Protein backbone atom coordinates (compact mmCIF):
# COMPACT_ATOMS: atom_id res chain seq x y z
CA UNK A 1 -0.10 0.00 -0.19
CA UNK A 2 3.02 2.56 0.73
CA UNK A 3 6.27 2.80 -1.34
CA UNK A 4 9.09 0.72 0.51
CA UNK A 5 10.78 4.09 1.93
CA UNK A 6 7.37 5.35 3.02
CA UNK A 7 6.99 2.15 5.58
CA UNK A 8 10.41 2.70 6.80
CA UNK A 9 9.65 6.68 7.66
CA UNK A 10 6.40 5.96 9.13
CA UNK A 11 7.55 3.48 11.62
CA UNK A 12 9.91 5.95 12.66
CA UNK A 13 7.38 7.97 13.00
CA UNK A 14 5.73 5.66 15.37
CA UNK A 15 8.42 4.60 17.17
CA UNK A 16 9.03 8.40 18.27
CA UNK A 17 5.36 8.75 19.32
CA UNK A 18 5.37 5.46 21.56
CA UNK A 19 8.21 6.33 23.06
CA UNK A 20 7.20 9.74 24.00
CA UNK A 21 4.10 8.70 25.15
CA UNK A 22 5.98 5.88 27.41
CA UNK A 23 7.60 8.80 28.90
CA UNK A 24 5.15 10.64 29.27
CA UNK A 25 3.68 8.10 31.06
CA UNK A 26 6.68 7.54 33.34
CA UNK A 27 6.55 11.07 34.14
CA UNK A 28 3.37 11.12 35.82
CA UNK A 29 4.01 8.10 37.60
CA UNK A 30 7.16 9.69 38.73
CA UNK A 31 5.19 12.59 40.11
CA UNK A 32 2.50 10.50 41.71
CA UNK A 33 4.83 8.43 43.47
CA UNK A 34 7.04 11.78 45.29
CA UNK A 35 3.72 13.13 46.23
CA UNK A 36 2.89 10.24 47.78
CA UNK A 37 6.16 9.58 49.44
CA UNK A 38 6.19 13.52 50.53
CA UNK A 39 2.36 12.93 51.88
CA UNK A 40 4.19 9.69 54.12
CA UNK A 41 6.67 12.00 55.22
CA UNK A 42 4.28 14.89 56.42
CA UNK A 43 1.87 12.24 58.07
CA UNK A 44 5.20 10.90 60.12
CA UNK A 45 6.24 14.31 61.19
CA UNK A 46 2.52 14.85 62.21
CA UNK A 47 2.63 11.82 64.39
CA UNK A 48 2.14 12.34 68.14
CA UNK A 49 3.10 10.04 70.82
CA UNK A 50 1.47 10.39 74.27
CA UNK A 51 3.67 10.49 77.68
CA UNK A 52 3.23 11.00 81.16
CA UNK A 53 5.50 13.14 83.18
CA UNK A 54 4.99 13.28 87.11
CA UNK A 55 6.93 14.81 90.26
CA UNK A 56 8.45 18.14 90.90
CA UNK A 57 7.09 20.00 87.64
CA UNK A 58 4.49 22.47 87.40
CA UNK A 59 1.68 20.57 86.30
CA UNK A 60 2.29 16.85 86.35
CA UNK A 61 0.13 14.14 83.64
CA UNK A 62 -0.07 12.76 79.95
CA UNK A 63 1.14 15.15 77.35
CA UNK A 64 0.79 14.80 73.18
CA UNK A 65 3.63 15.47 71.62
CA UNK A 66 5.37 15.22 68.36
CA UNK A 67 6.78 12.21 67.25
CA UNK A 68 10.80 13.32 67.83
CA UNK A 69 10.46 15.35 70.88
CA UNK A 70 12.78 15.62 73.78
CA UNK A 71 12.52 15.38 77.54
CA UNK A 72 13.30 19.44 77.90
CA UNK A 73 10.03 19.79 75.23
CA UNK A 74 7.96 17.59 78.05
CA UNK A 75 9.43 19.48 80.90
CA UNK A 76 8.69 22.77 79.10
CA UNK A 77 5.38 22.06 78.36
CA UNK A 78 4.55 20.82 81.69
CA UNK A 79 5.23 24.36 83.03
CA UNK A 80 9.00 24.04 83.79
CA UNK A 81 10.73 22.42 87.23
CA UNK A 82 9.27 23.77 90.58
CA UNK A 83 11.83 25.32 92.86
CA UNK A 84 12.04 22.10 95.16
CA UNK A 85 13.13 19.51 92.41
CA UNK A 86 16.00 17.91 93.23
CA UNK A 87 18.69 19.67 90.86
CA UNK A 88 21.62 17.22 91.68
CA UNK A 89 19.59 13.66 90.65
CA UNK A 90 18.26 15.59 87.86
CA UNK A 91 22.12 17.23 86.56
CA UNK A 92 23.67 13.71 87.13
CA UNK A 93 21.13 11.04 86.07
CA UNK A 94 18.29 12.76 83.59
CA UNK A 95 19.67 13.66 79.60
CA UNK A 96 17.36 16.63 78.83
CA UNK A 97 18.00 15.89 75.66
CA UNK A 98 16.93 12.53 75.33
CA UNK A 99 14.01 11.57 72.81
CA UNK A 100 10.95 10.64 73.45
CA UNK A 101 9.15 6.93 73.26
CA UNK A 102 5.05 6.61 72.88
CA UNK A 103 4.10 5.26 76.33
CA UNK A 104 7.10 6.53 78.12
CA UNK A 105 6.58 8.14 81.99
CA UNK A 106 9.20 10.74 83.36
CA UNK A 107 9.71 11.26 86.93
CA UNK A 108 11.48 14.43 88.35
CA UNK A 109 12.00 13.91 92.22
CA UNK A 110 11.71 16.53 94.78
CA UNK A 111 14.54 17.00 97.13
CA UNK A 112 12.27 15.84 100.29
CA UNK A 113 11.57 12.64 98.64
CA UNK A 114 15.05 11.16 99.69
CA UNK A 115 18.10 11.95 97.12
CA UNK A 116 20.75 12.15 99.41
CA UNK A 117 24.43 12.13 98.31
CA UNK A 118 26.70 11.00 100.56
CA UNK A 119 30.24 11.63 100.67
CA UNK A 120 32.21 10.08 97.80
CA UNK A 121 30.16 11.30 95.64
CA UNK A 122 27.43 9.17 95.44
CA UNK A 123 23.35 9.37 95.35
CA UNK A 124 21.51 7.06 97.63
CA UNK A 125 17.43 6.69 97.40
CA UNK A 126 15.25 6.58 100.43
CA UNK A 127 12.17 6.52 98.68
CA UNK A 128 10.08 7.52 101.40
CA UNK A 129 8.86 11.26 102.73
CA UNK A 130 10.86 11.73 106.03
CA UNK A 131 8.73 11.70 109.05
CA UNK A 132 6.95 8.37 107.63
CA UNK A 133 7.07 5.07 109.37
CA UNK A 134 8.68 3.65 106.78
CA UNK A 135 11.40 5.45 106.34
CA UNK A 136 14.82 3.40 105.32
CA UNK A 137 16.88 5.87 106.88
CA UNK A 138 15.65 8.24 109.69
CA UNK A 139 17.00 12.14 109.52
CA UNK A 140 19.02 11.19 112.35
CA UNK A 141 21.03 8.43 110.59
CA UNK A 142 21.67 10.71 107.66
CA UNK A 143 23.12 13.19 110.15
CA UNK A 144 25.33 10.17 111.42
CA UNK A 145 27.30 10.50 107.70
CA UNK A 146 30.68 10.99 107.84
CA UNK A 147 30.93 14.85 107.02
CA UNK A 148 33.54 15.67 104.19
CA UNK A 149 35.90 18.14 105.78
CA UNK A 150 39.60 17.53 106.78
CA UNK A 151 42.41 18.65 109.49
CA UNK A 152 43.27 21.74 107.29
CA UNK A 153 39.51 23.37 107.18
CA UNK A 154 39.56 23.10 103.38
CA UNK A 155 36.71 21.92 101.19
CA UNK A 156 37.80 18.30 100.37
CA UNK A 157 36.48 18.69 96.47
CA UNK A 158 36.35 14.65 96.06
CA UNK A 159 33.85 14.54 99.23
CA UNK A 160 32.30 18.11 99.83
CA UNK A 161 28.60 17.86 99.58
CA UNK A 162 26.60 19.47 97.18
CA UNK A 163 26.14 22.72 99.56
CA UNK A 164 29.37 23.01 100.28
CA UNK A 165 30.49 23.37 96.92
CA UNK A 166 27.60 26.12 95.94
CA UNK A 167 28.80 27.94 99.02
CA UNK A 168 32.15 28.29 97.34
CA UNK A 169 33.20 31.93 96.04
CA UNK A 170 32.28 31.85 91.78
CA UNK A 171 30.93 27.95 92.50
CA UNK A 172 26.78 28.15 92.33
CA UNK A 173 24.78 25.33 91.53
CA UNK A 174 26.02 24.87 87.65
CA UNK A 175 29.71 24.16 88.74
CA UNK A 176 28.61 22.28 92.02
CA UNK A 177 26.71 19.86 89.74
CA UNK A 178 29.41 19.72 87.29
CA UNK A 179 32.12 18.82 89.82
CA UNK A 180 30.82 16.11 91.21
CA UNK A 181 29.28 14.47 87.95
CA UNK A 182 32.73 14.22 87.15
CA UNK A 183 34.52 12.74 90.61
CA UNK A 184 36.79 11.88 91.34
CA UNK A 185 40.79 14.39 90.98
CA UNK A 186 43.99 13.59 91.85
CA UNK A 187 45.09 17.08 91.50
CA UNK A 188 44.41 20.75 90.37
CA UNK A 189 44.57 19.94 86.65
CA UNK A 190 42.31 17.38 86.00
CA UNK A 191 40.04 19.50 88.53
CA UNK A 192 40.29 22.28 86.18
CA UNK A 193 39.99 20.09 82.96
CA UNK A 194 37.15 17.76 84.15
CA UNK A 195 34.80 20.07 85.81
CA UNK A 196 34.81 23.25 83.27
CA UNK A 197 36.06 25.38 85.77
CA UNK A 198 37.56 28.76 84.67
CA UNK A 199 40.99 30.11 85.69
CA UNK A 200 39.38 33.32 87.57
CA UNK A 201 36.87 31.15 89.36
CA UNK A 202 40.10 28.32 90.65
CA UNK A 203 41.63 31.53 91.67
CA UNK A 204 38.86 32.26 94.09
CA UNK A 205 38.82 28.71 95.65
CA UNK A 206 42.45 27.88 95.35
CA UNK A 207 43.18 28.50 99.01
CA UNK A 208 39.92 27.05 100.30
CA UNK A 209 39.65 23.63 98.95
CA UNK A 210 41.86 20.07 98.79
CA UNK A 211 42.13 16.78 97.24
């Protein structure tokens, strides 16, 4: 029906049309797949988890947060720490940057609930309110613990309580927590390096401390 040369030209033309249609179909498919993946990602980002927080925060309870939220986000949502929260325990044991999981519970202890510091910087949990008949350690037994002092009257950095360190000039709560968390220290240089103490602060306390 067609001349021999015309058949070849027609074959080329139809092949071109078929290739174009296939490429258009693939483009549409890829676009739809991309939209689907984007929607899936948005849904994942919008996914929520339920977490409970109890203890020394302004508003304890169960909160809904976005997936991959952190403990600090939960504490802020609960109105932040109360004034009687156990700073020493939190700084020692709680990672505020930890990612939360669904159905997780976070407990912030108050100081009066019994997280006491021993002379070597360890922490012991009493687990009951002072004055309760079930108290595992009474206030008298706590007062009988050895006090971190020495014959020179200086504060022993490796044994001092949080309150004794906090009372040193230029130390405060933040440095006191760091000092306790990084004990023991064998000397001045190790003490300055591990505690992050600046030279100016060390100059203020160097005559008041011992190792």
